[in-house]
All heavy atoms as atom14 arrays in JSON, in Angstrom:
{
  "sequence": "GATPDSERRLRQQVRKLKELRTADAREIAQLKADVEALVGALHQ",
  "atom14_mask": [
    [1, 1, 1, 1, 0, 0, 0, 0, 0, 0, 0, 0, 0, 0],
    [1, 1, 1, 1, 1, 0, 0, 0, 0, 0, 0, 0, 0, 0],
    [1, 1, 1, 1, 1, 1, 1, 0, 0, 0, 0, 0, 0, 0],
    [1, 1, 1, 1, 1, 1, 1, 0, 0, 0, 0, 0, 0, 0],
    [1, 1, 1, 1, 1, 1, 1, 1, 0, 0, 0, 0, 0, 0],
    [1, 1, 1, 1, 1, 1, 0, 0, 0, 0, 0, 0, 0, 0],
    [1, 1, 1, 1, 1, 1, 1, 1, 1, 0, 0, 0, 0, 0],
    [1, 1, 1, 1, 1, 1, 1, 1, 1, 1, 1, 0, 0, 0],
    [1, 1, 1, 1, 1, 1, 1, 1, 1, 1, 1, 0, 0, 0],
    [1, 1, 1, 1, 1, 1, 1, 1, 0, 0, 0, 0, 0, 0],
    [1, 1, 1, 1, 1, 1, 1, 1, 1, 1, 1, 0, 0, 0],
    [1, 1, 1, 1, 1, 1, 1, 1, 1, 0, 0, 0, 0, 0],
    [1, 1, 1, 1, 1, 1, 1, 1, 1, 0, 0, 0, 0, 0],
    [1, 1, 1, 1, 1, 1, 1, 0, 0, 0, 0, 0, 0, 0],
    [1, 1, 1, 1, 1, 1, 1, 1, 1, 1, 1, 0, 0, 0],
    [1, 1, 1, 1, 1, 1, 1, 1, 1, 0, 0, 0, 0, 0],
    [1, 1, 1, 1, 1, 1, 1, 1, 0, 0, 0, 0, 0, 0],
    [1, 1, 1, 1, 1, 1, 1, 1, 1, 0, 0, 0, 0, 0],
    [1, 1, 1, 1, 1, 1, 1, 1, 1, 0, 0, 0, 0, 0],
    [1, 1, 1, 1, 1, 1, 1, 1, 0, 0, 0, 0, 0, 0],
    [1, 1, 1, 1, 1, 1, 1, 1, 1, 1, 1, 0, 0, 0],
    [1, 1, 1, 1, 1, 1, 1, 0, 0, 0, 0, 0, 0, 0],
    [1, 1, 1, 1, 1, 0, 0, 0, 0, 0, 0, 0, 0, 0],
    [1, 1, 1, 1, 1, 1, 1, 1, 0, 0, 0, 0, 0, 0],
    [1, 1, 1, 1, 1, 0, 0, 0, 0, 0, 0, 0, 0, 0],
    [1, 1, 1, 1, 1, 1, 1, 1, 1, 1, 1, 0, 0, 0],
    [1, 1, 1, 1, 1, 1, 1, 1, 1, 0, 0, 0, 0, 0],
    [1, 1, 1, 1, 1, 1, 1, 1, 0, 0, 0, 0, 0, 0],
    [1, 1, 1, 1, 1, 0, 0, 0, 0, 0, 0, 0, 0, 0],
    [1, 1, 1, 1, 1, 1, 1, 1, 1, 0, 0, 0, 0, 0],
    [1, 1, 1, 1, 1, 1, 1, 1, 0, 0, 0, 0, 0, 0],
    [1, 1, 1, 1, 1, 1, 1, 1, 1, 0, 0, 0, 0, 0],
    [1, 1, 1, 1, 1, 0, 0, 0, 0, 0, 0, 0, 0, 0],
    [1, 1, 1, 1, 1, 1, 1, 1, 0, 0, 0, 0, 0, 0],
    [1, 1, 1, 1, 1, 1, 1, 0, 0, 0, 0, 0, 0, 0],
    [1, 1, 1, 1, 1, 1, 1, 1, 1, 0, 0, 0, 0, 0],
    [1, 1, 1, 1, 1, 0, 0, 0, 0, 0, 0, 0, 0, 0],
    [1, 1, 1, 1, 1, 1, 1, 1, 0, 0, 0, 0, 0, 0],
    [1, 1, 1, 1, 1, 1, 1, 0, 0, 0, 0, 0, 0, 0],
    [1, 1, 1, 1, 0, 0, 0, 0, 0, 0, 0, 0, 0, 0],
    [1, 1, 1, 1, 1, 0, 0, 0, 0, 0, 0, 0, 0, 0],
    [1, 1, 1, 1, 1, 1, 1, 1, 0, 0, 0, 0, 0, 0],
    [1, 1, 1, 1, 1, 1, 1, 1, 1, 1, 0, 0, 0, 0],
    [1, 1, 1, 1, 1, 1, 1, 1, 1, 0, 0, 0, 0, 0]
  ],
  "atom14_positions": [
    [[24.02, 140.87, 157.06], [23.1, 141.76, 157.75], [23.76, 142.59, 158.82], [23.1, 143.33, 159.53], [0.0, 0.0, 0.0], [0.0, 0.0, 0.0], [0.0, 0.0, 0.0], [0.0, 0.0, 0.0], [0.0, 0.0, 0.0], [0.0, 0.0, 0.0], [0.0, 0.0, 0.0], [0.0, 0.0, 0.0], [0.0, 0.0, 0.0], [0.0, 0.0, 0.0]],
    [[25.04, 142.49, 158.95], [25.78, 143.26, 159.96], [26.33, 144.52, 159.31], [26.49, 144.59, 158.09], [26.91, 142.43, 160.54], [0.0, 0.0, 0.0], [0.0, 0.0, 0.0], [0.0, 0.0, 0.0], [0.0, 0.0, 0.0], [0.0, 0.0, 0.0], [0.0, 0.0, 0.0], [0.0, 0.0, 0.0], [0.0, 0.0, 0.0], [0.0, 0.0, 0.0]],
    [[26.59, 145.48, 160.12], [27.2, 146.72, 159.66], [28.64, 146.73, 160.15], [28.88, 146.49, 161.33], [26.45, 147.94, 160.24], [25.08, 147.84, 159.89], [27.0, 149.24, 159.7], [0.0, 0.0, 0.0], [0.0, 0.0, 0.0], [0.0, 0.0, 0.0], [0.0, 0.0, 0.0], [0.0, 0.0, 0.0], [0.0, 0.0, 0.0], [0.0, 0.0, 0.0]],
    [[29.59, 147.01, 159.25], [30.99, 147.08, 159.7], [31.13, 148.1, 160.83], [30.45, 149.13, 160.85], [31.74, 147.52, 158.45], [30.86, 147.13, 157.31], [29.45, 147.23, 157.82], [0.0, 0.0, 0.0], [0.0, 0.0, 0.0], [0.0, 0.0, 0.0], [0.0, 0.0, 0.0], [0.0, 0.0, 0.0], [0.0, 0.0, 0.0], [0.0, 0.0, 0.0]],
    [[32.01, 147.8, 161.76], [32.22, 148.68, 162.92], [32.57, 150.1, 162.49], [32.1, 151.06, 163.09], [33.31, 148.12, 163.83], [32.88, 146.83, 164.52], [31.68, 146.51, 164.48], [33.75, 146.16, 165.1], [0.0, 0.0, 0.0], [0.0, 0.0, 0.0], [0.0, 0.0, 0.0], [0.0, 0.0, 0.0], [0.0, 0.0, 0.0], [0.0, 0.0, 0.0]],
    [[33.4, 150.22, 161.47], [33.8, 151.57, 161.03], [32.59, 152.34, 160.53], [32.44, 153.53, 160.82], [34.85, 151.47, 159.93], [34.36, 150.72, 158.83], [0.0, 0.0, 0.0], [0.0, 0.0, 0.0], [0.0, 0.0, 0.0], [0.0, 0.0, 0.0], [0.0, 0.0, 0.0], [0.0, 0.0, 0.0], [0.0, 0.0, 0.0], [0.0, 0.0, 0.0]],
    [[31.7, 151.68, 159.81], [30.5, 152.35, 159.32], [29.58, 152.71, 160.48], [28.99, 153.8, 160.51], [29.76, 151.45, 158.33], [28.56, 152.1, 157.69], [27.88, 151.21, 156.67], [28.54, 150.31, 156.1], [26.68, 151.41, 156.44], [0.0, 0.0, 0.0], [0.0, 0.0, 0.0], [0.0, 0.0, 0.0], [0.0, 0.0, 0.0], [0.0, 0.0, 0.0]],
    [[29.46, 151.83, 161.45], [28.62, 152.09, 162.62], [29.14, 153.31, 163.39], [28.37, 154.17, 163.8], [28.57, 150.85, 163.51], [27.57, 150.93, 164.62], [27.37, 149.66, 165.44], [28.42, 148.67, 165.4], [28.36, 147.53, 164.69], [27.32, 147.27, 163.95], [29.35, 146.66, 164.72], [0.0, 0.0, 0.0], [0.0, 0.0, 0.0], [0.0, 0.0, 0.0]],
    [[30.47, 153.38, 163.55], [31.06, 154.53, 164.25], [30.82, 155.82, 163.46], [30.51, 156.86, 164.05], [32.55, 154.32, 164.46], [32.88, 153.36, 165.6], [34.36, 153.4, 165.96], [35.25, 153.2, 164.83], [35.68, 152.03, 164.4], [35.31, 150.92, 165.01], [36.49, 151.94, 163.36], [0.0, 0.0, 0.0], [0.0, 0.0, 0.0], [0.0, 0.0, 0.0]],
    [[30.97, 155.75, 162.15], [30.74, 156.94, 161.33], [29.28, 157.39, 161.39], [28.99, 158.58, 161.48], [31.14, 156.68, 159.87], [32.63, 156.66, 159.6], [32.9, 156.23, 158.15], [33.25, 158.02, 159.86], [0.0, 0.0, 0.0], [0.0, 0.0, 0.0], [0.0, 0.0, 0.0], [0.0, 0.0, 0.0], [0.0, 0.0, 0.0], [0.0, 0.0, 0.0]],
    [[28.36, 156.43, 161.36], [26.94, 156.78, 161.46], [26.64, 157.44, 162.81], [25.88, 158.39, 162.88], [26.06, 155.55, 161.27], [26.02, 155.06, 159.84], [25.1, 153.85, 159.71], [25.17, 153.29, 158.39], [24.47, 153.72, 157.34], [23.65, 154.74, 157.49], [24.59, 153.14, 156.17], [0.0, 0.0, 0.0], [0.0, 0.0, 0.0], [0.0, 0.0, 0.0]],
    [[27.24, 156.93, 163.87], [27.06, 157.52, 165.19], [27.62, 158.94, 165.23], [27.0, 159.85, 165.77], [27.74, 156.64, 166.24], [27.52, 157.12, 167.66], [28.18, 156.2, 168.68], [28.92, 155.29, 168.33], [27.91, 156.43, 169.94], [0.0, 0.0, 0.0], [0.0, 0.0, 0.0], [0.0, 0.0, 0.0], [0.0, 0.0, 0.0], [0.0, 0.0, 0.0]],
    [[28.78, 159.12, 164.62], [29.38, 160.45, 164.59], [28.52, 161.41, 163.77], [28.32, 162.56, 164.16], [30.79, 160.37, 163.99], [31.54, 161.67, 164.07], [32.97, 161.55, 163.58], [33.34, 160.56, 162.95], [33.77, 162.55, 163.84], [0.0, 0.0, 0.0], [0.0, 0.0, 0.0], [0.0, 0.0, 0.0], [0.0, 0.0, 0.0], [0.0, 0.0, 0.0]],
    [[27.97, 160.94, 162.65], [27.09, 161.78, 161.83], [25.86, 162.18, 162.64], [25.43, 163.33, 162.61], [26.69, 161.05, 160.53], [25.53, 161.73, 159.85], [27.88, 160.96, 159.59], [0.0, 0.0, 0.0], [0.0, 0.0, 0.0], [0.0, 0.0, 0.0], [0.0, 0.0, 0.0], [0.0, 0.0, 0.0], [0.0, 0.0, 0.0], [0.0, 0.0, 0.0]],
    [[25.3, 161.22, 163.39], [24.12, 161.51, 164.21], [24.44, 162.59, 165.24], [23.69, 163.55, 165.43], [23.63, 160.23, 164.88], [22.32, 160.33, 165.59], [21.75, 158.99, 166.08], [22.73, 158.04, 166.58], [23.16, 156.96, 165.92], [22.69, 156.68, 164.73], [24.06, 156.14, 166.45], [0.0, 0.0, 0.0], [0.0, 0.0, 0.0], [0.0, 0.0, 0.0]],
    [[25.59, 162.46, 165.91], [25.99, 163.47, 166.91], [26.2, 164.83, 166.26], [25.81, 165.87, 166.81], [27.27, 163.03, 167.63], [27.06, 161.93, 168.63], [28.36, 161.55, 169.3], [28.17, 160.39, 170.24], [29.45, 159.96, 170.84], [0.0, 0.0, 0.0], [0.0, 0.0, 0.0], [0.0, 0.0, 0.0], [0.0, 0.0, 0.0], [0.0, 0.0, 0.0]],
    [[26.83, 164.84, 165.07], [27.07, 166.11, 164.39], [25.76, 166.77, 163.97], [25.63, 168.0, 164.04], [27.97, 165.89, 163.18], [29.43, 165.56, 163.5], [30.18, 165.17, 162.23], [30.12, 166.72, 164.19], [0.0, 0.0, 0.0], [0.0, 0.0, 0.0], [0.0, 0.0, 0.0], [0.0, 0.0, 0.0], [0.0, 0.0, 0.0], [0.0, 0.0, 0.0]],
    [[24.78, 165.97, 163.57], [23.48, 166.54, 163.22], [22.81, 167.15, 164.44], [22.19, 168.21, 164.35], [22.58, 165.47, 162.6], [22.93, 165.15, 161.17], [21.99, 164.1, 160.58], [22.34, 163.82, 159.13], [21.45, 162.81, 158.54], [0.0, 0.0, 0.0], [0.0, 0.0, 0.0], [0.0, 0.0, 0.0], [0.0, 0.0, 0.0], [0.0, 0.0, 0.0]],
    [[22.93, 166.47, 165.59], [22.37, 167.02, 166.83], [23.05, 168.33, 167.18], [22.39, 169.3, 167.57], [22.53, 166.02, 167.96], [21.65, 164.79, 167.84], [21.99, 163.7, 168.84], [22.9, 163.9, 169.69], [21.35, 162.63, 168.78], [0.0, 0.0, 0.0], [0.0, 0.0, 0.0], [0.0, 0.0, 0.0], [0.0, 0.0, 0.0], [0.0, 0.0, 0.0]],
    [[24.38, 168.37, 167.05], [25.11, 169.62, 167.33], [24.71, 170.72, 166.37], [24.57, 171.88, 166.76], [26.62, 169.37, 167.26], [27.23, 168.57, 168.4], [28.69, 168.24, 168.1], [27.12, 169.34, 169.7], [0.0, 0.0, 0.0], [0.0, 0.0, 0.0], [0.0, 0.0, 0.0], [0.0, 0.0, 0.0], [0.0, 0.0, 0.0], [0.0, 0.0, 0.0]],
    [[24.52, 170.35, 165.11], [24.12, 171.34, 164.1], [22.76, 171.93, 164.45], [22.54, 173.14, 164.33], [24.1, 170.69, 162.73], [23.8, 171.63, 161.62], [23.94, 170.95, 160.28], [23.57, 171.87, 159.24], [22.85, 171.53, 158.19], [22.47, 170.29, 158.02], [22.55, 172.42, 157.29], [0.0, 0.0, 0.0], [0.0, 0.0, 0.0], [0.0, 0.0, 0.0]],
    [[21.82, 171.08, 164.89], [20.5, 171.55, 165.28], [20.6, 172.48, 166.49], [19.97, 173.54, 166.52], [19.58, 170.35, 165.6], [19.49, 169.52, 164.44], [18.21, 170.78, 166.02], [0.0, 0.0, 0.0], [0.0, 0.0, 0.0], [0.0, 0.0, 0.0], [0.0, 0.0, 0.0], [0.0, 0.0, 0.0], [0.0, 0.0, 0.0], [0.0, 0.0, 0.0]],
    [[21.4, 172.09, 167.47], [21.58, 172.93, 168.66], [22.23, 174.26, 168.27], [21.83, 175.32, 168.78], [22.43, 172.2, 169.7], [0.0, 0.0, 0.0], [0.0, 0.0, 0.0], [0.0, 0.0, 0.0], [0.0, 0.0, 0.0], [0.0, 0.0, 0.0], [0.0, 0.0, 0.0], [0.0, 0.0, 0.0], [0.0, 0.0, 0.0], [0.0, 0.0, 0.0]],
    [[23.21, 174.21, 167.38], [23.87, 175.44, 166.94], [22.88, 176.34, 166.2], [22.9, 177.56, 166.36], [25.06, 175.13, 166.04], [26.26, 174.58, 166.8], [26.26, 174.67, 168.05], [27.18, 174.05, 166.14], [0.0, 0.0, 0.0], [0.0, 0.0, 0.0], [0.0, 0.0, 0.0], [0.0, 0.0, 0.0], [0.0, 0.0, 0.0], [0.0, 0.0, 0.0]],
    [[22.01, 175.74, 165.38], [21.02, 176.54, 164.64], [20.07, 177.25, 165.62], [19.73, 178.43, 165.42], [20.23, 175.65, 163.67], [0.0, 0.0, 0.0], [0.0, 0.0, 0.0], [0.0, 0.0, 0.0], [0.0, 0.0, 0.0], [0.0, 0.0, 0.0], [0.0, 0.0, 0.0], [0.0, 0.0, 0.0], [0.0, 0.0, 0.0], [0.0, 0.0, 0.0]],
    [[19.66, 176.54, 166.67], [18.8, 177.17, 167.69], [19.53, 178.32, 168.37], [18.98, 179.4, 168.59], [18.35, 176.15, 168.73], [17.22, 175.26, 168.28], [16.6, 174.5, 169.45], [17.56, 173.67, 170.14], [17.77, 172.39, 169.92], [17.08, 171.76, 169.0], [18.68, 171.71, 170.6], [0.0, 0.0, 0.0], [0.0, 0.0, 0.0], [0.0, 0.0, 0.0]],
    [[20.8, 178.08, 168.73], [21.58, 179.13, 169.4], [21.78, 180.33, 168.48], [21.67, 181.48, 168.92], [22.93, 178.57, 169.83], [23.76, 179.57, 170.61], [25.1, 179.01, 171.07], [25.43, 177.86, 170.74], [25.83, 179.76, 171.74], [0.0, 0.0, 0.0], [0.0, 0.0, 0.0], [0.0, 0.0, 0.0], [0.0, 0.0, 0.0], [0.0, 0.0, 0.0]],
    [[22.04, 180.09, 167.22], [22.23, 181.19, 166.26], [20.94, 181.99, 166.13], [20.97, 183.23, 166.1], [22.71, 180.65, 164.9], [24.17, 180.19, 165.02], [22.55, 181.69, 163.81], [24.68, 179.42, 163.82], [0.0, 0.0, 0.0], [0.0, 0.0, 0.0], [0.0, 0.0, 0.0], [0.0, 0.0, 0.0], [0.0, 0.0, 0.0], [0.0, 0.0, 0.0]],
    [[19.79, 181.29, 166.06], [18.51, 182.0, 165.97], [18.29, 182.88, 167.2], [17.85, 184.03, 167.08], [17.37, 181.0, 165.8], [0.0, 0.0, 0.0], [0.0, 0.0, 0.0], [0.0, 0.0, 0.0], [0.0, 0.0, 0.0], [0.0, 0.0, 0.0], [0.0, 0.0, 0.0], [0.0, 0.0, 0.0], [0.0, 0.0, 0.0], [0.0, 0.0, 0.0]],
    [[18.62, 182.34, 168.39], [18.47, 183.13, 169.61], [19.41, 184.33, 169.62], [19.03, 185.43, 170.0], [18.72, 182.25, 170.85], [18.56, 182.98, 172.17], [17.16, 183.51, 172.38], [16.19, 182.78, 172.23], [17.04, 184.79, 172.7], [0.0, 0.0, 0.0], [0.0, 0.0, 0.0], [0.0, 0.0, 0.0], [0.0, 0.0, 0.0], [0.0, 0.0, 0.0]],
    [[20.64, 184.12, 169.17], [21.61, 185.22, 169.12], [21.16, 186.3, 168.14], [21.32, 187.5, 168.41], [22.99, 184.7, 168.75], [23.69, 183.85, 169.83], [24.95, 183.22, 169.27], [24.0, 184.69, 171.05], [0.0, 0.0, 0.0], [0.0, 0.0, 0.0], [0.0, 0.0, 0.0], [0.0, 0.0, 0.0], [0.0, 0.0, 0.0], [0.0, 0.0, 0.0]],
    [[20.58, 185.9, 167.02], [20.07, 186.89, 166.05], [18.94, 187.7, 166.67], [18.89, 188.92, 166.49], [19.59, 186.19, 164.78], [20.71, 185.73, 163.88], [20.16, 185.08, 162.61], [21.3, 184.67, 161.69], [20.8, 184.05, 160.45], [0.0, 0.0, 0.0], [0.0, 0.0, 0.0], [0.0, 0.0, 0.0], [0.0, 0.0, 0.0], [0.0, 0.0, 0.0]],
    [[18.05, 187.03, 167.4], [16.97, 187.75, 168.07], [17.53, 188.71, 169.12], [17.06, 189.84, 169.25], [16.0, 186.75, 168.72], [0.0, 0.0, 0.0], [0.0, 0.0, 0.0], [0.0, 0.0, 0.0], [0.0, 0.0, 0.0], [0.0, 0.0, 0.0], [0.0, 0.0, 0.0], [0.0, 0.0, 0.0], [0.0, 0.0, 0.0], [0.0, 0.0, 0.0]],
    [[18.54, 188.26, 169.86], [19.17, 189.13, 170.86], [19.82, 190.35, 170.2], [19.72, 191.46, 170.71], [20.23, 188.35, 171.65], [19.62, 187.29, 172.56], [18.39, 187.28, 172.75], [20.4, 186.43, 173.07], [0.0, 0.0, 0.0], [0.0, 0.0, 0.0], [0.0, 0.0, 0.0], [0.0, 0.0, 0.0], [0.0, 0.0, 0.0], [0.0, 0.0, 0.0]],
    [[20.47, 190.13, 169.07], [21.11, 191.24, 168.36], [20.06, 192.25, 167.92], [20.25, 193.46, 168.07], [21.93, 190.72, 167.14], [22.3, 191.86, 166.21], [23.18, 190.01, 167.62], [0.0, 0.0, 0.0], [0.0, 0.0, 0.0], [0.0, 0.0, 0.0], [0.0, 0.0, 0.0], [0.0, 0.0, 0.0], [0.0, 0.0, 0.0], [0.0, 0.0, 0.0]],
    [[18.93, 191.75, 167.39], [17.86, 192.67, 166.97], [17.35, 193.49, 168.14], [17.14, 194.7, 168.02], [16.72, 191.89, 166.32], [17.04, 191.37, 164.94], [15.87, 190.64, 164.31], [14.7, 190.98, 164.62], [16.13, 189.74, 163.5], [0.0, 0.0, 0.0], [0.0, 0.0, 0.0], [0.0, 0.0, 0.0], [0.0, 0.0, 0.0], [0.0, 0.0, 0.0]],
    [[17.18, 192.84, 169.3], [16.7, 193.56, 170.48], [17.72, 194.59, 170.94], [17.37, 195.73, 171.29], [16.41, 192.57, 171.61], [0.0, 0.0, 0.0], [0.0, 0.0, 0.0], [0.0, 0.0, 0.0], [0.0, 0.0, 0.0], [0.0, 0.0, 0.0], [0.0, 0.0, 0.0], [0.0, 0.0, 0.0], [0.0, 0.0, 0.0], [0.0, 0.0, 0.0]],
    [[18.99, 194.23, 170.91], [20.04, 195.17, 171.32], [20.16, 196.33, 170.35], [20.36, 197.48, 170.77], [21.38, 194.44, 171.46], [21.49, 193.49, 172.65], [22.76, 192.66, 172.55], [21.44, 194.26, 173.95], [0.0, 0.0, 0.0], [0.0, 0.0, 0.0], [0.0, 0.0, 0.0], [0.0, 0.0, 0.0], [0.0, 0.0, 0.0], [0.0, 0.0, 0.0]],
    [[20.02, 196.06, 169.06], [20.07, 197.14, 168.07], [18.9, 198.1, 168.29], [19.05, 199.33, 168.23], [20.07, 196.57, 166.63], [19.78, 197.66, 165.61], [21.41, 195.91, 166.33], [0.0, 0.0, 0.0], [0.0, 0.0, 0.0], [0.0, 0.0, 0.0], [0.0, 0.0, 0.0], [0.0, 0.0, 0.0], [0.0, 0.0, 0.0], [0.0, 0.0, 0.0]],
    [[17.73, 197.53, 168.6], [16.56, 198.38, 168.87], [16.79, 199.25, 170.1], [16.48, 200.45, 170.1], [0.0, 0.0, 0.0], [0.0, 0.0, 0.0], [0.0, 0.0, 0.0], [0.0, 0.0, 0.0], [0.0, 0.0, 0.0], [0.0, 0.0, 0.0], [0.0, 0.0, 0.0], [0.0, 0.0, 0.0], [0.0, 0.0, 0.0], [0.0, 0.0, 0.0]],
    [[17.34, 198.66, 171.17], [17.61, 199.43, 172.38], [18.66, 200.5, 172.13], [18.54, 201.63, 172.61], [18.06, 198.48, 173.5], [0.0, 0.0, 0.0], [0.0, 0.0, 0.0], [0.0, 0.0, 0.0], [0.0, 0.0, 0.0], [0.0, 0.0, 0.0], [0.0, 0.0, 0.0], [0.0, 0.0, 0.0], [0.0, 0.0, 0.0], [0.0, 0.0, 0.0]],
    [[19.68, 200.16, 171.35], [20.72, 201.14, 171.02], [20.13, 202.28, 170.19], [20.44, 203.46, 170.44], [21.86, 200.46, 170.25], [23.0, 201.38, 169.81], [23.69, 202.01, 171.02], [23.99, 200.61, 168.98], [0.0, 0.0, 0.0], [0.0, 0.0, 0.0], [0.0, 0.0, 0.0], [0.0, 0.0, 0.0], [0.0, 0.0, 0.0], [0.0, 0.0, 0.0]],
    [[19.29, 201.95, 169.24], [18.66, 202.98, 168.41], [17.81, 203.91, 169.28], [17.86, 205.14, 169.13], [17.79, 202.33, 167.32], [17.06, 203.32, 166.48], [17.71, 204.13, 165.57], [15.75, 203.64, 166.41], [16.82, 204.92, 164.98], [15.63, 204.63, 165.47], [0.0, 0.0, 0.0], [0.0, 0.0, 0.0], [0.0, 0.0, 0.0], [0.0, 0.0, 0.0]],
    [[17.04, 203.32, 170.21], [16.2, 204.14, 171.09], [17.07, 205.05, 171.96], [16.79, 206.22, 172.12], [15.32, 203.24, 171.96], [14.4, 204.03, 172.88], [13.53, 203.13, 173.72], [13.52, 201.92, 173.52], [12.81, 203.71, 174.65], [0.0, 0.0, 0.0], [0.0, 0.0, 0.0], [0.0, 0.0, 0.0], [0.0, 0.0, 0.0], [0.0, 0.0, 0.0]]
  ]
}
């Protein structure tokens, strides 16, 4: 019923990477919105 330490470390690393991926996705969405706003201002 125990998990090998190497597997536990890998699962922890996967969890952290998923959190980073989610944060990156939010940042990318915000940057895309910023780009659209800047393109609109430039066009105007």
